[in-house]
Amino acid sequence: MLRRPRGRHLFSFVERGGWYAADAFVTWLSERLDATAPDGTSRAYSGM
């Protein structure tokens, strides 16, 4: 079952409480919180 996308979704839904993973969101938000502001100010907030 876990070799098929639908099987992995079902396993995640039952065992992890959600149909989708959100790893990409964590990566995206971390990048945004570390992005330099338009005025050149360094943020570097992602690890805080």
All heavy atoms as atom14 arrays in JSON, in Angstrom:
{
  "sequence": "MLRRPRGRHLFSFVERGGWYAADAFVTWLSERLDATAPDGTSRAYSGM",
  "atom14_mask": [
    [1, 1, 1, 1, 1, 1, 1, 1, 0, 0, 0, 0, 0, 0],
    [1, 1, 1, 1, 1, 1, 1, 1, 0, 0, 0, 0, 0, 0],
    [1, 1, 1, 1, 1, 1, 1, 1, 1, 1, 1, 0, 0, 0],
    [1, 1, 1, 1, 1, 1, 1, 1, 1, 1, 1, 0, 0, 0],
    [1, 1, 1, 1, 1, 1, 1, 0, 0, 0, 0, 0, 0, 0],
    [1, 1, 1, 1, 1, 1, 1, 1, 1, 1, 1, 0, 0, 0],
    [1, 1, 1, 1, 0, 0, 0, 0, 0, 0, 0, 0, 0, 0],
    [1, 1, 1, 1, 1, 1, 1, 1, 1, 1, 1, 0, 0, 0],
    [1, 1, 1, 1, 1, 1, 1, 1, 1, 1, 0, 0, 0, 0],
    [1, 1, 1, 1, 1, 1, 1, 1, 0, 0, 0, 0, 0, 0],
    [1, 1, 1, 1, 1, 1, 1, 1, 1, 1, 1, 0, 0, 0],
    [1, 1, 1, 1, 1, 1, 0, 0, 0, 0, 0, 0, 0, 0],
    [1, 1, 1, 1, 1, 1, 1, 1, 1, 1, 1, 0, 0, 0],
    [1, 1, 1, 1, 1, 1, 1, 0, 0, 0, 0, 0, 0, 0],
    [1, 1, 1, 1, 1, 1, 1, 1, 1, 0, 0, 0, 0, 0],
    [1, 1, 1, 1, 1, 1, 1, 1, 1, 1, 1, 0, 0, 0],
    [1, 1, 1, 1, 0, 0, 0, 0, 0, 0, 0, 0, 0, 0],
    [1, 1, 1, 1, 0, 0, 0, 0, 0, 0, 0, 0, 0, 0],
    [1, 1, 1, 1, 1, 1, 1, 1, 1, 1, 1, 1, 1, 1],
    [1, 1, 1, 1, 1, 1, 1, 1, 1, 1, 1, 1, 0, 0],
    [1, 1, 1, 1, 1, 0, 0, 0, 0, 0, 0, 0, 0, 0],
    [1, 1, 1, 1, 1, 0, 0, 0, 0, 0, 0, 0, 0, 0],
    [1, 1, 1, 1, 1, 1, 1, 1, 0, 0, 0, 0, 0, 0],
    [1, 1, 1, 1, 1, 0, 0, 0, 0, 0, 0, 0, 0, 0],
    [1, 1, 1, 1, 1, 1, 1, 1, 1, 1, 1, 0, 0, 0],
    [1, 1, 1, 1, 1, 1, 1, 0, 0, 0, 0, 0, 0, 0],
    [1, 1, 1, 1, 1, 1, 1, 0, 0, 0, 0, 0, 0, 0],
    [1, 1, 1, 1, 1, 1, 1, 1, 1, 1, 1, 1, 1, 1],
    [1, 1, 1, 1, 1, 1, 1, 1, 0, 0, 0, 0, 0, 0],
    [1, 1, 1, 1, 1, 1, 0, 0, 0, 0, 0, 0, 0, 0],
    [1, 1, 1, 1, 1, 1, 1, 1, 1, 0, 0, 0, 0, 0],
    [1, 1, 1, 1, 1, 1, 1, 1, 1, 1, 1, 0, 0, 0],
    [1, 1, 1, 1, 1, 1, 1, 1, 0, 0, 0, 0, 0, 0],
    [1, 1, 1, 1, 1, 1, 1, 1, 0, 0, 0, 0, 0, 0],
    [1, 1, 1, 1, 1, 0, 0, 0, 0, 0, 0, 0, 0, 0],
    [1, 1, 1, 1, 1, 1, 1, 0, 0, 0, 0, 0, 0, 0],
    [1, 1, 1, 1, 1, 0, 0, 0, 0, 0, 0, 0, 0, 0],
    [1, 1, 1, 1, 1, 1, 1, 0, 0, 0, 0, 0, 0, 0],
    [1, 1, 1, 1, 1, 1, 1, 1, 0, 0, 0, 0, 0, 0],
    [1, 1, 1, 1, 0, 0, 0, 0, 0, 0, 0, 0, 0, 0],
    [1, 1, 1, 1, 1, 1, 1, 0, 0, 0, 0, 0, 0, 0],
    [1, 1, 1, 1, 1, 1, 0, 0, 0, 0, 0, 0, 0, 0],
    [1, 1, 1, 1, 1, 1, 1, 1, 1, 1, 1, 0, 0, 0],
    [1, 1, 1, 1, 1, 0, 0, 0, 0, 0, 0, 0, 0, 0],
    [1, 1, 1, 1, 1, 1, 1, 1, 1, 1, 1, 1, 0, 0],
    [1, 1, 1, 1, 1, 1, 0, 0, 0, 0, 0, 0, 0, 0],
    [1, 1, 1, 1, 0, 0, 0, 0, 0, 0, 0, 0, 0, 0],
    [1, 1, 1, 1, 1, 1, 1, 1, 0, 0, 0, 0, 0, 0]
  ],
  "atom14_positions": [
    [[0.83, -1.2, 0.0], [0.0, 0.0, 0.0], [0.87, 1.26, 0.0], [0.57, 2.24, -0.69], [-0.92, -0.01, 1.23], [-1.89, 1.16, 1.28], [-2.94, 1.11, 2.76], [-1.8, 1.8, 3.96], [0.0, 0.0, 0.0], [0.0, 0.0, 0.0], [0.0, 0.0, 0.0], [0.0, 0.0, 0.0], [0.0, 0.0, 0.0], [0.0, 0.0, 0.0]],
    [[1.96, 1.24, 0.76], [2.82, 2.41, 0.89], [3.68, 2.66, -0.35], [4.35, 3.69, -0.44], [3.7, 2.29, 2.13], [2.96, 2.38, 3.46], [3.89, 2.12, 4.63], [2.29, 3.75, 3.61], [0.0, 0.0, 0.0], [0.0, 0.0, 0.0], [0.0, 0.0, 0.0], [0.0, 0.0, 0.0], [0.0, 0.0, 0.0], [0.0, 0.0, 0.0]],
    [[3.65, 1.74, -1.28], [4.37, 1.97, -2.53], [3.53, 2.77, -3.53], [4.02, 3.17, -4.59], [4.8, 0.63, -3.15], [5.96, -0.02, -2.42], [6.59, -1.13, -3.27], [5.7, -2.28, -3.4], [5.71, -3.32, -2.58], [6.53, -3.34, -1.53], [4.89, -4.33, -2.77], [0.0, 0.0, 0.0], [0.0, 0.0, 0.0], [0.0, 0.0, 0.0]],
    [[2.27, 2.99, -3.2], [1.36, 3.73, -4.07], [1.02, 5.08, -3.43], [0.83, 5.16, -2.21], [0.07, 2.95, -4.29], [0.26, 1.52, -4.74], [0.71, 1.44, -6.18], [-0.35, 1.9, -7.09], [-0.22, 1.87, -8.42], [0.9, 1.43, -8.96], [-1.21, 2.28, -9.18], [0.0, 0.0, 0.0], [0.0, 0.0, 0.0], [0.0, 0.0, 0.0]],
    [[0.93, 6.16, -4.22], [0.6, 7.47, -3.66], [-0.69, 7.46, -2.84], [-0.74, 8.02, -1.75], [0.48, 8.36, -4.91], [1.39, 7.72, -5.9], [1.25, 6.24, -5.66], [0.0, 0.0, 0.0], [0.0, 0.0, 0.0], [0.0, 0.0, 0.0], [0.0, 0.0, 0.0], [0.0, 0.0, 0.0], [0.0, 0.0, 0.0], [0.0, 0.0, 0.0]],
    [[-1.73, 6.83, -3.38], [-3.0, 6.82, -2.64], [-2.86, 6.06, -1.32], [-3.46, 6.43, -0.31], [-4.11, 6.19, -3.49], [-4.53, 7.06, -4.65], [-5.74, 6.48, -5.38], [-6.18, 7.34, -6.47], [-7.24, 7.13, -7.19], [-8.0, 6.06, -6.97], [-7.57, 7.96, -8.16], [0.0, 0.0, 0.0], [0.0, 0.0, 0.0], [0.0, 0.0, 0.0]],
    [[-2.04, 5.02, -1.33], [-1.82, 4.27, -0.1], [-1.09, 5.1, 0.94], [-1.42, 5.05, 2.13], [0.0, 0.0, 0.0], [0.0, 0.0, 0.0], [0.0, 0.0, 0.0], [0.0, 0.0, 0.0], [0.0, 0.0, 0.0], [0.0, 0.0, 0.0], [0.0, 0.0, 0.0], [0.0, 0.0, 0.0], [0.0, 0.0, 0.0], [0.0, 0.0, 0.0]],
    [[-0.11, 5.9, 0.5], [0.61, 6.76, 1.44], [-0.3, 7.84, 2.0], [-0.21, 8.2, 3.18], [1.83, 7.36, 0.75], [2.94, 6.36, 0.5], [4.23, 7.03, 0.1], [4.17, 7.61, -1.23], [4.44, 6.96, -2.36], [4.78, 5.67, -2.31], [4.39, 7.56, -3.52], [0.0, 0.0, 0.0], [0.0, 0.0, 0.0], [0.0, 0.0, 0.0]],
    [[-1.18, 8.38, 1.15], [-2.14, 9.37, 1.64], [-3.05, 8.75, 2.7], [-3.32, 9.36, 3.75], [-2.98, 9.92, 0.48], [-2.29, 10.98, -0.31], [-2.06, 12.24, 0.18], [-1.77, 10.97, -1.57], [-1.45, 12.97, -0.74], [-1.25, 12.22, -1.81], [0.0, 0.0, 0.0], [0.0, 0.0, 0.0], [0.0, 0.0, 0.0], [0.0, 0.0, 0.0]],
    [[-3.54, 7.55, 2.43], [-4.44, 6.89, 3.37], [-3.72, 6.58, 4.68], [-4.27, 6.81, 5.77], [-4.99, 5.6, 2.76], [-5.92, 4.77, 3.66], [-7.14, 5.59, 4.05], [-6.34, 3.48, 2.96], [0.0, 0.0, 0.0], [0.0, 0.0, 0.0], [0.0, 0.0, 0.0], [0.0, 0.0, 0.0], [0.0, 0.0, 0.0], [0.0, 0.0, 0.0]],
    [[-2.49, 6.1, 4.6], [-1.71, 5.8, 5.8], [-1.48, 7.08, 6.62], [-1.63, 7.09, 7.84], [-0.37, 5.17, 5.41], [0.38, 4.59, 6.57], [0.19, 3.27, 6.96], [1.3, 5.36, 7.28], [0.88, 2.73, 8.03], [2.0, 4.83, 8.35], [1.78, 3.5, 8.73], [0.0, 0.0, 0.0], [0.0, 0.0, 0.0], [0.0, 0.0, 0.0]],
    [[-1.14, 8.16, 5.94], [-0.94, 9.44, 6.61], [-2.22, 9.93, 7.27], [-2.22, 10.43, 8.4], [-0.45, 10.49, 5.59], [-0.38, 11.77, 6.18], [0.0, 0.0, 0.0], [0.0, 0.0, 0.0], [0.0, 0.0, 0.0], [0.0, 0.0, 0.0], [0.0, 0.0, 0.0], [0.0, 0.0, 0.0], [0.0, 0.0, 0.0], [0.0, 0.0, 0.0]],
    [[-3.32, 9.77, 6.57], [-4.62, 10.21, 7.09], [-4.97, 9.48, 8.38], [-5.4, 10.09, 9.37], [-5.69, 9.97, 6.02], [-7.08, 10.34, 6.45], [-7.47, 11.66, 6.51], [-8.0, 9.36, 6.8], [-8.75, 12.01, 6.91], [-9.28, 9.7, 7.19], [-9.66, 11.02, 7.25], [0.0, 0.0, 0.0], [0.0, 0.0, 0.0], [0.0, 0.0, 0.0]],
    [[-4.76, 8.17, 8.39], [-5.12, 7.37, 9.56], [-4.11, 7.53, 10.69], [-4.49, 7.68, 11.86], [-5.25, 5.88, 9.17], [-5.49, 5.01, 10.4], [-6.37, 5.69, 8.15], [0.0, 0.0, 0.0], [0.0, 0.0, 0.0], [0.0, 0.0, 0.0], [0.0, 0.0, 0.0], [0.0, 0.0, 0.0], [0.0, 0.0, 0.0], [0.0, 0.0, 0.0]],
    [[-2.82, 7.53, 10.35], [-1.78, 7.5, 11.38], [-1.27, 8.87, 11.79], [-0.82, 9.05, 12.92], [-0.6, 6.65, 10.9], [-0.98, 5.25, 10.45], [-1.57, 4.41, 11.58], [-1.3, 4.7, 12.76], [-2.33, 3.45, 11.28], [0.0, 0.0, 0.0], [0.0, 0.0, 0.0], [0.0, 0.0, 0.0], [0.0, 0.0, 0.0], [0.0, 0.0, 0.0]],
    [[-1.32, 9.85, 10.88], [-0.77, 11.18, 11.16], [-1.83, 12.27, 11.19], [-1.51, 13.44, 11.38], [0.3, 11.53, 10.13], [1.44, 10.52, 10.02], [2.4, 10.61, 11.19], [3.4, 9.56, 11.14], [4.53, 9.6, 10.43], [4.78, 10.66, 9.67], [5.39, 8.6, 10.46], [0.0, 0.0, 0.0], [0.0, 0.0, 0.0], [0.0, 0.0, 0.0]],
    [[-3.08, 11.89, 10.98], [-4.17, 12.85, 11.12], [-4.38, 13.79, 9.97], [-5.13, 14.77, 10.09], [0.0, 0.0, 0.0], [0.0, 0.0, 0.0], [0.0, 0.0, 0.0], [0.0, 0.0, 0.0], [0.0, 0.0, 0.0], [0.0, 0.0, 0.0], [0.0, 0.0, 0.0], [0.0, 0.0, 0.0], [0.0, 0.0, 0.0], [0.0, 0.0, 0.0]],
    [[-3.71, 13.55, 8.82], [-3.88, 14.45, 7.69], [-3.58, 13.78, 6.37], [-2.71, 12.91, 6.28], [0.0, 0.0, 0.0], [0.0, 0.0, 0.0], [0.0, 0.0, 0.0], [0.0, 0.0, 0.0], [0.0, 0.0, 0.0], [0.0, 0.0, 0.0], [0.0, 0.0, 0.0], [0.0, 0.0, 0.0], [0.0, 0.0, 0.0], [0.0, 0.0, 0.0]],
    [[-4.32, 14.17, 5.33], [-4.15, 13.58, 4.01], [-2.84, 14.0, 3.35], [-2.24, 13.25, 2.6], [-5.33, 14.01, 3.14], [-5.53, 13.18, 1.92], [-5.24, 13.53, 0.63], [-6.09, 11.86, 1.85], [-5.57, 12.52, -0.23], [-6.11, 11.47, 0.5], [-6.59, 10.98, 2.81], [-6.59, 10.25, 0.07], [-7.07, 9.75, 2.39], [-7.07, 9.4, 1.04]],
    [[-2.39, 15.23, 3.66], [-1.19, 15.77, 3.03], [-0.1, 16.04, 4.07], [-0.37, 16.32, 5.23], [-1.49, 17.09, 2.32], [-2.52, 16.98, 1.22], [-3.79, 17.5, 1.4], [-2.21, 16.37, 0.01], [-4.74, 17.42, 0.39], [-3.16, 16.27, -1.0], [-4.42, 16.79, -0.8], [-5.36, 16.69, -1.79], [0.0, 0.0, 0.0], [0.0, 0.0, 0.0]],
    [[1.15, 16.0, 3.59], [2.28, 16.46, 4.38], [2.43, 17.97, 4.15], [1.98, 18.49, 3.14], [3.55, 15.73, 3.98], [0.0, 0.0, 0.0], [0.0, 0.0, 0.0], [0.0, 0.0, 0.0], [0.0, 0.0, 0.0], [0.0, 0.0, 0.0], [0.0, 0.0, 0.0], [0.0, 0.0, 0.0], [0.0, 0.0, 0.0], [0.0, 0.0, 0.0]],
    [[3.06, 18.67, 5.09], [3.25, 20.11, 4.94], [4.72, 20.47, 5.12], [5.04, 21.58, 5.56], [2.38, 20.87, 5.93], [0.0, 0.0, 0.0], [0.0, 0.0, 0.0], [0.0, 0.0, 0.0], [0.0, 0.0, 0.0], [0.0, 0.0, 0.0], [0.0, 0.0, 0.0], [0.0, 0.0, 0.0], [0.0, 0.0, 0.0], [0.0, 0.0, 0.0]],
    [[5.61, 19.55, 4.77], [7.04, 19.82, 4.91], [7.45, 21.02, 4.06], [8.29, 21.83, 4.46], [7.86, 18.59, 4.48], [7.56, 17.37, 5.35], [7.07, 17.55, 6.47], [7.8, 16.24, 4.88], [0.0, 0.0, 0.0], [0.0, 0.0, 0.0], [0.0, 0.0, 0.0], [0.0, 0.0, 0.0], [0.0, 0.0, 0.0], [0.0, 0.0, 0.0]],
    [[6.85, 21.14, 2.87], [7.18, 22.25, 1.98], [6.79, 23.59, 2.6], [7.44, 24.61, 2.35], [6.5, 22.07, 0.63], [0.0, 0.0, 0.0], [0.0, 0.0, 0.0], [0.0, 0.0, 0.0], [0.0, 0.0, 0.0], [0.0, 0.0, 0.0], [0.0, 0.0, 0.0], [0.0, 0.0, 0.0], [0.0, 0.0, 0.0], [0.0, 0.0, 0.0]],
    [[5.72, 23.6, 3.4], [5.33, 24.84, 4.06], [6.38, 25.27, 5.07], [6.73, 26.46, 5.15], [3.97, 24.68, 4.76], [3.63, 25.86, 5.64], [3.17, 27.03, 5.09], [3.83, 25.8, 7.02], [2.88, 28.14, 5.89], [3.55, 26.89, 7.82], [3.07, 28.06, 7.25], [0.0, 0.0, 0.0], [0.0, 0.0, 0.0], [0.0, 0.0, 0.0]],
    [[6.88, 24.33, 5.87], [7.89, 24.66, 6.87], [9.13, 25.23, 6.18], [9.71, 26.22, 6.64], [8.25, 23.41, 7.7], [9.43, 23.69, 8.63], [7.05, 22.94, 8.51], [0.0, 0.0, 0.0], [0.0, 0.0, 0.0], [0.0, 0.0, 0.0], [0.0, 0.0, 0.0], [0.0, 0.0, 0.0], [0.0, 0.0, 0.0], [0.0, 0.0, 0.0]],
    [[9.53, 24.63, 5.06], [10.68, 25.13, 4.31], [10.42, 26.53, 3.77], [11.26, 27.43, 3.89], [11.0, 24.17, 3.14], [11.31, 22.88, 3.66], [12.19, 24.69, 2.33], [0.0, 0.0, 0.0], [0.0, 0.0, 0.0], [0.0, 0.0, 0.0], [0.0, 0.0, 0.0], [0.0, 0.0, 0.0], [0.0, 0.0, 0.0], [0.0, 0.0, 0.0]],
    [[9.24, 26.71, 3.17], [8.88, 28.03, 2.6], [8.86, 29.11, 3.67], [9.42, 30.19, 3.49], [7.54, 27.93, 1.91], [7.0, 29.24, 1.4], [7.3, 29.86, 0.22], [6.07, 30.11, 2.08], [6.62, 31.05, 0.12], [5.86, 31.23, 1.24], [5.41, 30.04, 3.3], [5.01, 32.27, 1.6], [4.56, 31.08, 3.66], [4.36, 32.18, 2.81]],
    [[8.2, 28.84, 4.8], [8.1, 29.85, 5.85], [9.48, 30.18, 6.43], [9.78, 31.35, 6.7], [7.17, 29.37, 6.96], [6.95, 30.36, 8.12], [6.34, 31.66, 7.61], [6.07, 29.75, 9.2], [0.0, 0.0, 0.0], [0.0, 0.0, 0.0], [0.0, 0.0, 0.0], [0.0, 0.0, 0.0], [0.0, 0.0, 0.0], [0.0, 0.0, 0.0]],
    [[10.31, 29.16, 6.6], [11.66, 29.4, 7.1], [12.43, 30.32, 6.16], [13.13, 31.26, 6.6], [12.41, 28.07, 7.27], [11.78, 27.25, 8.23], [0.0, 0.0, 0.0], [0.0, 0.0, 0.0], [0.0, 0.0, 0.0], [0.0, 0.0, 0.0], [0.0, 0.0, 0.0], [0.0, 0.0, 0.0], [0.0, 0.0, 0.0], [0.0, 0.0, 0.0]],
    [[12.3, 30.08, 4.86], [12.96, 30.94, 3.88], [12.43, 32.37, 3.93], [13.2, 33.34, 3.84], [12.76, 30.37, 2.48], [13.48, 29.05, 2.24], [13.12, 28.41, 0.91], [12.18, 28.91, 0.23], [13.75, 27.4, 0.56], [0.0, 0.0, 0.0], [0.0, 0.0, 0.0], [0.0, 0.0, 0.0], [0.0, 0.0, 0.0], [0.0, 0.0, 0.0]],
    [[11.12, 32.5, 4.11], [10.53, 33.84, 4.16], [10.98, 34.59, 5.42], [11.18, 35.8, 5.39], [9.01, 33.75, 4.11], [8.44, 33.1, 2.85], [8.47, 33.99, 1.62], [9.78, 34.34, 1.12], [10.58, 33.52, 0.44], [10.22, 32.27, 0.19], [11.75, 33.93, 0.01], [0.0, 0.0, 0.0], [0.0, 0.0, 0.0], [0.0, 0.0, 0.0]],
    [[11.1, 33.9, 6.52], [11.51, 34.54, 7.77], [12.99, 34.89, 7.79], [13.44, 35.65, 8.64], [11.17, 33.66, 8.96], [9.68, 33.48, 9.28], [9.47, 32.59, 10.49], [9.01, 34.84, 9.51], [0.0, 0.0, 0.0], [0.0, 0.0, 0.0], [0.0, 0.0, 0.0], [0.0, 0.0, 0.0], [0.0, 0.0, 0.0], [0.0, 0.0, 0.0]],
    [[13.74, 34.32, 6.85], [15.17, 34.64, 6.74], [15.46, 35.57, 5.57], [16.61, 35.96, 5.37], [15.98, 33.35, 6.59], [16.05, 32.55, 7.87], [15.81, 33.12, 8.95], [16.35, 31.34, 7.81], [0.0, 0.0, 0.0], [0.0, 0.0, 0.0], [0.0, 0.0, 0.0], [0.0, 0.0, 0.0], [0.0, 0.0, 0.0], [0.0, 0.0, 0.0]],
    [[14.44, 35.91, 4.8], [14.65, 36.74, 3.61], [15.04, 38.16, 4.01], [14.51, 38.73, 4.98], [13.37, 36.77, 2.76], [0.0, 0.0, 0.0], [0.0, 0.0, 0.0], [0.0, 0.0, 0.0], [0.0, 0.0, 0.0], [0.0, 0.0, 0.0], [0.0, 0.0, 0.0], [0.0, 0.0, 0.0], [0.0, 0.0, 0.0], [0.0, 0.0, 0.0]],
    [[15.95, 38.74, 3.28], [16.38, 40.11, 3.53], [15.25, 41.08, 3.15], [14.61, 40.93, 2.11], [17.64, 40.45, 2.71], [18.67, 39.53, 3.07], [18.11, 41.86, 2.97], [0.0, 0.0, 0.0], [0.0, 0.0, 0.0], [0.0, 0.0, 0.0], [0.0, 0.0, 0.0], [0.0, 0.0, 0.0], [0.0, 0.0, 0.0], [0.0, 0.0, 0.0]],
    [[15.01, 42.05, 4.0], [13.96, 43.03, 3.75], [14.36, 43.94, 2.59], [15.55, 44.06, 2.25], [13.71, 43.86, 5.0], [0.0, 0.0, 0.0], [0.0, 0.0, 0.0], [0.0, 0.0, 0.0], [0.0, 0.0, 0.0], [0.0, 0.0, 0.0], [0.0, 0.0, 0.0], [0.0, 0.0, 0.0], [0.0, 0.0, 0.0], [0.0, 0.0, 0.0]],
    [[13.38, 44.59, 1.93], [13.69, 45.47, 0.79], [14.71, 46.57, 1.13], [15.45, 47.01, 0.26], [12.33, 46.07, 0.44], [11.34, 45.03, 0.88], [11.94, 44.44, 2.12], [0.0, 0.0, 0.0], [0.0, 0.0, 0.0], [0.0, 0.0, 0.0], [0.0, 0.0, 0.0], [0.0, 0.0, 0.0], [0.0, 0.0, 0.0], [0.0, 0.0, 0.0]],
    [[14.75, 47.0, 2.39], [15.7, 48.05, 2.78], [17.07, 47.5, 3.15], [17.95, 48.23, 3.61], [15.15, 48.87, 3.95], [14.94, 48.04, 5.21], [15.24, 46.82, 5.2], [14.46, 48.61, 6.21], [0.0, 0.0, 0.0], [0.0, 0.0, 0.0], [0.0, 0.0, 0.0], [0.0, 0.0, 0.0], [0.0, 0.0, 0.0], [0.0, 0.0, 0.0]],
    [[17.26, 46.17, 2.95], [18.55, 45.56, 3.24], [18.68, 45.0, 4.64], [19.7, 44.39, 4.98], [0.0, 0.0, 0.0], [0.0, 0.0, 0.0], [0.0, 0.0, 0.0], [0.0, 0.0, 0.0], [0.0, 0.0, 0.0], [0.0, 0.0, 0.0], [0.0, 0.0, 0.0], [0.0, 0.0, 0.0], [0.0, 0.0, 0.0], [0.0, 0.0, 0.0]],
    [[17.64, 45.16, 5.45], [17.67, 44.65, 6.81], [17.67, 43.12, 6.83], [16.88, 42.49, 6.12], [16.46, 45.16, 7.62], [16.45, 46.58, 7.6], [16.53, 44.66, 9.06], [0.0, 0.0, 0.0], [0.0, 0.0, 0.0], [0.0, 0.0, 0.0], [0.0, 0.0, 0.0], [0.0, 0.0, 0.0], [0.0, 0.0, 0.0], [0.0, 0.0, 0.0]],
    [[18.56, 42.54, 7.62], [18.62, 41.08, 7.73], [17.59, 40.61, 8.74], [17.47, 41.17, 9.84], [20.02, 40.65, 8.18], [20.07, 39.26, 8.39], [0.0, 0.0, 0.0], [0.0, 0.0, 0.0], [0.0, 0.0, 0.0], [0.0, 0.0, 0.0], [0.0, 0.0, 0.0], [0.0, 0.0, 0.0], [0.0, 0.0, 0.0], [0.0, 0.0, 0.0]],
    [[16.83, 39.57, 8.38], [15.82, 39.06, 9.29], [16.36, 37.91, 10.13], [16.47, 38.01, 11.33], [14.58, 38.62, 8.5], [13.78, 39.81, 7.94], [12.39, 39.38, 7.49], [11.57, 40.52, 7.11], [11.31, 40.88, 5.86], [11.83, 40.19, 4.85], [10.56, 41.93, 5.6], [0.0, 0.0, 0.0], [0.0, 0.0, 0.0], [0.0, 0.0, 0.0]],
    [[16.65, 36.79, 9.51], [17.2, 35.62, 10.21], [16.35, 35.23, 11.43], [16.84, 35.04, 12.54], [18.64, 35.9, 10.65], [0.0, 0.0, 0.0], [0.0, 0.0, 0.0], [0.0, 0.0, 0.0], [0.0, 0.0, 0.0], [0.0, 0.0, 0.0], [0.0, 0.0, 0.0], [0.0, 0.0, 0.0], [0.0, 0.0, 0.0], [0.0, 0.0, 0.0]],
    [[15.03, 35.08, 11.2], [14.11, 34.77, 12.29], [13.74, 33.29, 12.36], [13.12, 32.86, 13.34], [12.81, 35.56, 12.12], [12.95, 37.07, 12.17], [12.18, 37.89, 11.35], [13.84, 37.67, 13.05], [12.28, 39.26, 11.4], [13.95, 39.07, 13.1], [13.18, 39.85, 12.27], [13.28, 41.22, 12.33], [0.0, 0.0, 0.0], [0.0, 0.0, 0.0]],
    [[14.04, 32.5, 11.35], [13.46, 31.16, 11.24], [13.84, 30.24, 12.39], [13.07, 29.35, 12.76], [13.86, 30.51, 9.91], [15.24, 30.2, 9.9], [0.0, 0.0, 0.0], [0.0, 0.0, 0.0], [0.0, 0.0, 0.0], [0.0, 0.0, 0.0], [0.0, 0.0, 0.0], [0.0, 0.0, 0.0], [0.0, 0.0, 0.0], [0.0, 0.0, 0.0]],
    [[15.03, 30.43, 12.96], [15.45, 29.55, 14.04], [15.08, 30.04, 15.42], [15.49, 29.43, 16.43], [0.0, 0.0, 0.0], [0.0, 0.0, 0.0], [0.0, 0.0, 0.0], [0.0, 0.0, 0.0], [0.0, 0.0, 0.0], [0.0, 0.0, 0.0], [0.0, 0.0, 0.0], [0.0, 0.0, 0.0], [0.0, 0.0, 0.0], [0.0, 0.0, 0.0]],
    [[14.27, 31.09, 15.49], [13.96, 31.7, 16.78], [12.75, 31.08, 17.45], [11.82, 30.61, 16.8], [13.71, 33.2, 16.61], [14.94, 33.99, 16.23], [14.6, 35.77, 16.21], [16.22, 36.41, 15.81], [0.0, 0.0, 0.0], [0.0, 0.0, 0.0], [0.0, 0.0, 0.0], [0.0, 0.0, 0.0], [0.0, 0.0, 0.0], [0.0, 0.0, 0.0]]
  ]
}
